[in-house]
């Protein structure tokens, strides 16, 4: 076994401690190992193909985090070919939620989402990717009429 050091915010530690108490773990290490295993399993199972896809990227963040909102917005603008639309919600005085609809190759969508979620100050993030059978084509207006 290897020992690693991880820094977690107080609220997350409280959540882990609640899980420990409710499931009867002997300590934090056992619980964290199980959580990591479950997260890795989910990542493997939900890994879509690299074909054309649509996705929803949802994350929460503290809007007061220095330059975070600007960095997140800039990334969306820099990837305007992937980002179709974004919904911004003020959850409370300090916390915002953004839900972004994405369209493009699954690998590019994952790469974009991973960078957004990894930004310092993003509290939680998740990407739901749905492969499209024949790609996504622009709607053509009806002929005639």
C-alpha atoms as a PDB file:
ATOM      1  CA  UNK A   1       0.000   0.000   0.000  1.00  0.00           C
ATOM      2  CA  UNK A   2       1.039   3.554  -0.659  1.00  0.00           C
ATOM      3  CA  UNK A   3       0.248   6.508   1.551  1.00  0.00           C
ATOM      4  CA  UNK A   4      -0.952   9.695  -0.141  1.00  0.00           C
ATOM      5  CA  UNK A   5      -1.982  13.053   1.251  1.00  0.00           C
ATOM      6  CA  UNK A   6      -5.216  14.645   0.063  1.00  0.00           C
ATOM      7  CA  UNK A   7      -6.667  17.975   1.129  1.00  0.00           C
ATOM      8  CA  UNK A   8     -10.461  18.059   1.420  1.00  0.00           C
ATOM      9  CA  UNK A   9     -12.806  20.844   2.498  1.00  0.00           C
ATOM     10  CA  UNK A  10     -14.633  20.446   5.796  1.00  0.00           C
ATOM     11  CA  UNK A  11     -18.030  19.783   4.242  1.00  0.00           C
ATOM     12  CA  UNK A  12     -16.661  16.916   2.160  1.00  0.00           C
ATOM     13  CA  UNK A  13     -14.980  15.389   5.227  1.00  0.00           C
ATOM     14  CA  UNK A  14     -18.301  15.609   7.094  1.00  0.00           C
ATOM     15  CA  UNK A  15     -20.011  13.808   4.207  1.00  0.00           C
ATOM     16  CA  UNK A  16     -17.355  11.078   4.267  1.00  0.00           C
ATOM     17  CA  UNK A  17     -17.693  10.737   8.039  1.00  0.00           C
ATOM     18  CA  UNK A  18     -21.498  10.408   7.667  1.00  0.00           C
ATOM     19  CA  UNK A  19     -20.965   7.660   5.087  1.00  0.00           C
ATOM     20  CA  UNK A  20     -18.539   5.915   7.458  1.00  0.00           C
ATOM     21  CA  UNK A  21     -21.079   6.012  10.274  1.00  0.00           C
ATOM     22  CA  UNK A  22     -24.015   4.870   8.127  1.00  0.00           C
ATOM     23  CA  UNK A  23     -22.141   1.974   6.484  1.00  0.00           C
ATOM     24  CA  UNK A  24     -20.027   0.898   9.443  1.00  0.00           C
ATOM     25  CA  UNK A  25     -16.561   1.459   7.991  1.00  0.00           C
ATOM     26  CA  UNK A  26     -13.673   1.052  10.438  1.00  0.00           C
ATOM     27  CA  UNK A  27     -12.112   4.318   9.251  1.00  0.00           C
ATOM     28  CA  UNK A  28     -11.736   6.937   6.559  1.00  0.00           C
ATOM     29  CA  UNK A  29      -9.130   5.015   4.561  1.00  0.00           C
ATOM     30  CA  UNK A  30     -11.476   2.093   3.903  1.00  0.00           C
ATOM     31  CA  UNK A  31     -14.325   4.384   2.920  1.00  0.00           C
ATOM     32  CA  UNK A  32     -12.162   6.515   0.623  1.00  0.00           C
ATOM     33  CA  UNK A  33     -10.699   3.401  -1.066  1.00  0.00           C
ATOM     34  CA  UNK A  34     -14.233   2.142  -1.770  1.00  0.00           C
ATOM     35  CA  UNK A  35     -15.303   5.560  -3.079  1.00  0.00           C
ATOM     36  CA  UNK A  36     -12.276   5.724  -5.389  1.00  0.00           C
ATOM     37  CA  UNK A  37     -12.940   2.195  -6.665  1.00  0.00           C
ATOM     38  CA  UNK A  38     -16.581   3.085  -7.350  1.00  0.00           C
ATOM     39  CA  UNK A  39     -15.577   6.276  -9.140  1.00  0.00           C
ATOM     40  CA  UNK A  40     -13.035   4.456 -11.305  1.00  0.00           C
ATOM     41  CA  UNK A  41     -15.579   1.741 -12.123  1.00  0.00           C
ATOM     42  CA  UNK A  42     -18.155   4.342 -13.128  1.00  0.00           C
ATOM     43  CA  UNK A  43     -15.592   6.151 -15.272  1.00  0.00           C
ATOM     44  CA  UNK A  44     -14.779   2.921 -17.128  1.00  0.00           C
ATOM     45  CA  UNK A  45     -18.427   1.913 -17.554  1.00  0.00           C
ATOM     46  CA  UNK A  46     -19.619   5.284 -18.781  1.00  0.00           C
ATOM     47  CA  UNK A  47     -16.757   5.878 -21.202  1.00  0.00           C
ATOM     48  CA  UNK A  48     -18.595   6.433 -24.487  1.00  0.00           C
ATOM     49  CA  UNK A  49     -17.180   5.792 -27.911  1.00  0.00           C
ATOM     50  CA  UNK A  50     -15.355   8.650 -29.572  1.00  0.00           C
ATOM     51  CA  UNK A  51     -18.048   9.128 -32.197  1.00  0.00           C
ATOM     52  CA  UNK A  52     -20.467  12.025 -32.593  1.00  0.00           C
ATOM     53  CA  UNK A  53     -22.287  12.806 -29.374  1.00  0.00           C
ATOM     54  CA  UNK A  54     -24.371  15.268 -27.449  1.00  0.00           C
ATOM     55  CA  UNK A  55     -23.752  15.930 -23.774  1.00  0.00           C
ATOM     56  CA  UNK A  56     -24.822  17.881 -20.722  1.00  0.00           C
ATOM     57  CA  UNK A  57     -22.083  19.302 -18.533  1.00  0.00           C
ATOM     58  CA  UNK A  58     -23.302  20.383 -15.099  1.00  0.00           C
ATOM     59  CA  UNK A  59     -21.129  21.928 -12.413  1.00  0.00           C
ATOM     60  CA  UNK A  60     -21.365  24.141  -9.352  1.00  0.00           C
ATOM     61  CA  UNK A  61     -18.832  26.725  -8.303  1.00  0.00           C
ATOM     62  CA  UNK A  62     -18.204  29.590  -5.924  1.00  0.00           C
ATOM     63  CA  UNK A  63     -18.633  32.749  -7.999  1.00  0.00           C
ATOM     64  CA  UNK A  64     -16.376  34.674  -5.606  1.00  0.00           C
ATOM     65  CA  UNK A  65     -13.376  32.466  -6.505  1.00  0.00           C
ATOM     66  CA  UNK A  66     -10.846  34.777  -8.133  1.00  0.00           C
ATOM     67  CA  UNK A  67     -11.370  34.990 -11.916  1.00  0.00           C
ATOM     68  CA  UNK A  68     -13.177  31.636 -11.987  1.00  0.00           C
ATOM     69  CA  UNK A  69     -16.354  32.834 -13.719  1.00  0.00           C
ATOM     70  CA  UNK A  70     -14.240  34.629 -16.323  1.00  0.00           C
ATOM     71  CA  UNK A  71     -12.087  31.516 -16.946  1.00  0.00           C
ATOM     72  CA  UNK A  72     -15.140  29.270 -17.294  1.00  0.00           C
ATOM     73  CA  UNK A  73     -16.826  31.689 -19.693  1.00  0.00           C
ATOM     74  CA  UNK A  74     -13.648  32.144 -21.725  1.00  0.00           C
ATOM     75  CA  UNK A  75     -13.272  28.372 -22.113  1.00  0.00           C
ATOM     76  CA  UNK A  76     -16.845  28.112 -23.415  1.00  0.00           C
ATOM     77  CA  UNK A  77     -16.195  30.933 -25.883  1.00  0.00           C
ATOM     78  CA  UNK A  78     -12.922  29.321 -26.965  1.00  0.00           C
ATOM     79  CA  UNK A  79     -14.863  26.117 -27.693  1.00  0.00           C
ATOM     80  CA  UNK A  80     -17.930  27.669 -29.316  1.00  0.00           C
ATOM     81  CA  UNK A  81     -17.942  24.789 -31.795  1.00  0.00           C
ATOM     82  CA  UNK A  82     -18.771  22.416 -28.895  1.00  0.00           C
ATOM     83  CA  UNK A  83     -20.869  24.585 -26.563  1.00  0.00           C
ATOM     84  CA  UNK A  84     -24.433  24.902 -27.855  1.00  0.00           C
ATOM     85  CA  UNK A  85     -26.060  26.688 -24.906  1.00  0.00           C
ATOM     86  CA  UNK A  86     -25.446  27.403 -21.218  1.00  0.00           C
ATOM     87  CA  UNK A  87     -27.902  27.899 -18.380  1.00  0.00           C
ATOM     88  CA  UNK A  88     -26.563  29.860 -15.389  1.00  0.00           C
ATOM     89  CA  UNK A  89     -28.384  29.592 -12.043  1.00  0.00           C
ATOM     90  CA  UNK A  90     -27.664  31.433  -8.784  1.00  0.00           C
ATOM     91  CA  UNK A  91     -28.185  28.770  -6.102  1.00  0.00           C
ATOM     92  CA  UNK A  92     -27.419  31.085  -3.195  1.00  0.00           C
ATOM     93  CA  UNK A  93     -25.323  34.166  -2.474  1.00  0.00           C
ATOM     94  CA  UNK A  94     -22.040  32.317  -3.078  1.00  0.00           C
ATOM     95  CA  UNK A  95     -22.815  29.352  -5.321  1.00  0.00           C
ATOM     96  CA  UNK A  96     -23.698  29.146  -9.011  1.00  0.00           C
ATOM     97  CA  UNK A  97     -24.699  26.200 -11.156  1.00  0.00           C
ATOM     98  CA  UNK A  98     -24.047  26.019 -14.859  1.00  0.00           C
ATOM     99  CA  UNK A  99     -25.535  23.480 -17.249  1.00  0.00           C
ATOM    100  CA  UNK A 100     -24.002  23.474 -20.716  1.00  0.00           C
ATOM    101  CA  UNK A 101     -25.316  21.522 -23.690  1.00  0.00           C
ATOM    102  CA  UNK A 102     -22.438  20.270 -25.836  1.00  0.00           C
ATOM    103  CA  UNK A 103     -22.281  18.717 -29.297  1.00  0.00           C
ATOM    104  CA  UNK A 104     -19.317  17.110 -31.079  1.00  0.00           C
ATOM    105  CA  UNK A 105     -16.914  14.174 -30.936  1.00  0.00           C
ATOM    106  CA  UNK A 106     -17.188  12.446 -27.530  1.00  0.00           C
ATOM    107  CA  UNK A 107     -13.456  12.729 -26.862  1.00  0.00           C
ATOM    108  CA  UNK A 108     -13.489  16.483 -27.378  1.00  0.00           C
ATOM    109  CA  UNK A 109     -16.565  16.828 -25.153  1.00  0.00           C
ATOM    110  CA  UNK A 110     -14.854  14.819 -22.375  1.00  0.00           C
ATOM    111  CA  UNK A 111     -11.656  16.853 -22.718  1.00  0.00           C
ATOM    112  CA  UNK A 112     -13.561  20.156 -22.465  1.00  0.00           C
ATOM    113  CA  UNK A 113     -15.636  18.939 -19.502  1.00  0.00           C
ATOM    114  CA  UNK A 114     -12.612  17.614 -17.610  1.00  0.00           C
ATOM    115  CA  UNK A 115     -10.915  20.993 -17.875  1.00  0.00           C
ATOM    116  CA  UNK A 116     -13.998  22.879 -16.722  1.00  0.00           C
ATOM    117  CA  UNK A 117     -14.552  20.545 -13.754  1.00  0.00           C
ATOM    118  CA  UNK A 118     -10.851  20.659 -12.800  1.00  0.00           C
ATOM    119  CA  UNK A 119     -10.834  24.458 -12.473  1.00  0.00           C
ATOM    120  CA  UNK A 120      -9.977  25.503  -8.935  1.00  0.00           C
ATOM    121  CA  UNK A 121     -13.217  26.552  -7.245  1.00  0.00           C
ATOM    122  CA  UNK A 122     -15.508  24.180  -9.128  1.00  0.00           C
ATOM    123  CA  UNK A 123     -17.156  22.185  -6.332  1.00  0.00           C
ATOM    124  CA  UNK A 124     -18.881  19.448  -8.278  1.00  0.00           C
ATOM    125  CA  UNK A 125     -19.155  18.509 -11.911  1.00  0.00           C
ATOM    126  CA  UNK A 126     -20.578  15.777 -14.068  1.00  0.00           C
ATOM    127  CA  UNK A 127     -20.770  15.063 -17.772  1.00  0.00           C
ATOM    128  CA  UNK A 128     -23.546  12.958 -19.257  1.00  0.00           C
ATOM    129  CA  UNK A 129     -22.691  11.943 -22.821  1.00  0.00           C
ATOM    130  CA  UNK A 130     -25.119  10.384 -25.271  1.00  0.00           C
ATOM    131  CA  UNK A 131     -23.710   8.943 -28.490  1.00  0.00           C
ATOM    132  CA  UNK A 132     -25.684   9.860 -31.588  1.00  0.00           C
ATOM    133  CA  UNK A 133     -26.280   7.112 -34.123  1.00  0.00           C
ATOM    134  CA  UNK A 134     -25.738   9.102 -37.304  1.00  0.00           C
ATOM    135  CA  UNK A 135     -24.197  12.264 -35.966  1.00  0.00           C
ATOM    136  CA  UNK A 136     -26.114  15.445 -35.423  1.00  0.00           C
ATOM    137  CA  UNK A 137     -27.098  17.380 -38.513  1.00  0.00           C
ATOM    138  CA  UNK A 138     -28.445  20.888 -38.690  1.00  0.00           C
ATOM    139  CA  UNK A 139     -32.182  21.091 -39.287  1.00  0.00           C
ATOM    140  CA  UNK A 140     -33.046  22.088 -42.848  1.00  0.00           C
ATOM    141  CA  UNK A 141     -36.013  24.428 -43.351  1.00  0.00           C
ATOM    142  CA  UNK A 142     -39.082  22.901 -45.017  1.00  0.00           C
ATOM    143  CA  UNK A 143     -39.191  23.270 -48.788  1.00  0.00           C
ATOM    144  CA  UNK A 144     -41.985  25.230 -50.450  1.00  0.00           C
ATOM    145  CA  UNK A 145     -45.038  26.454 -48.797  1.00  0.00           C
END
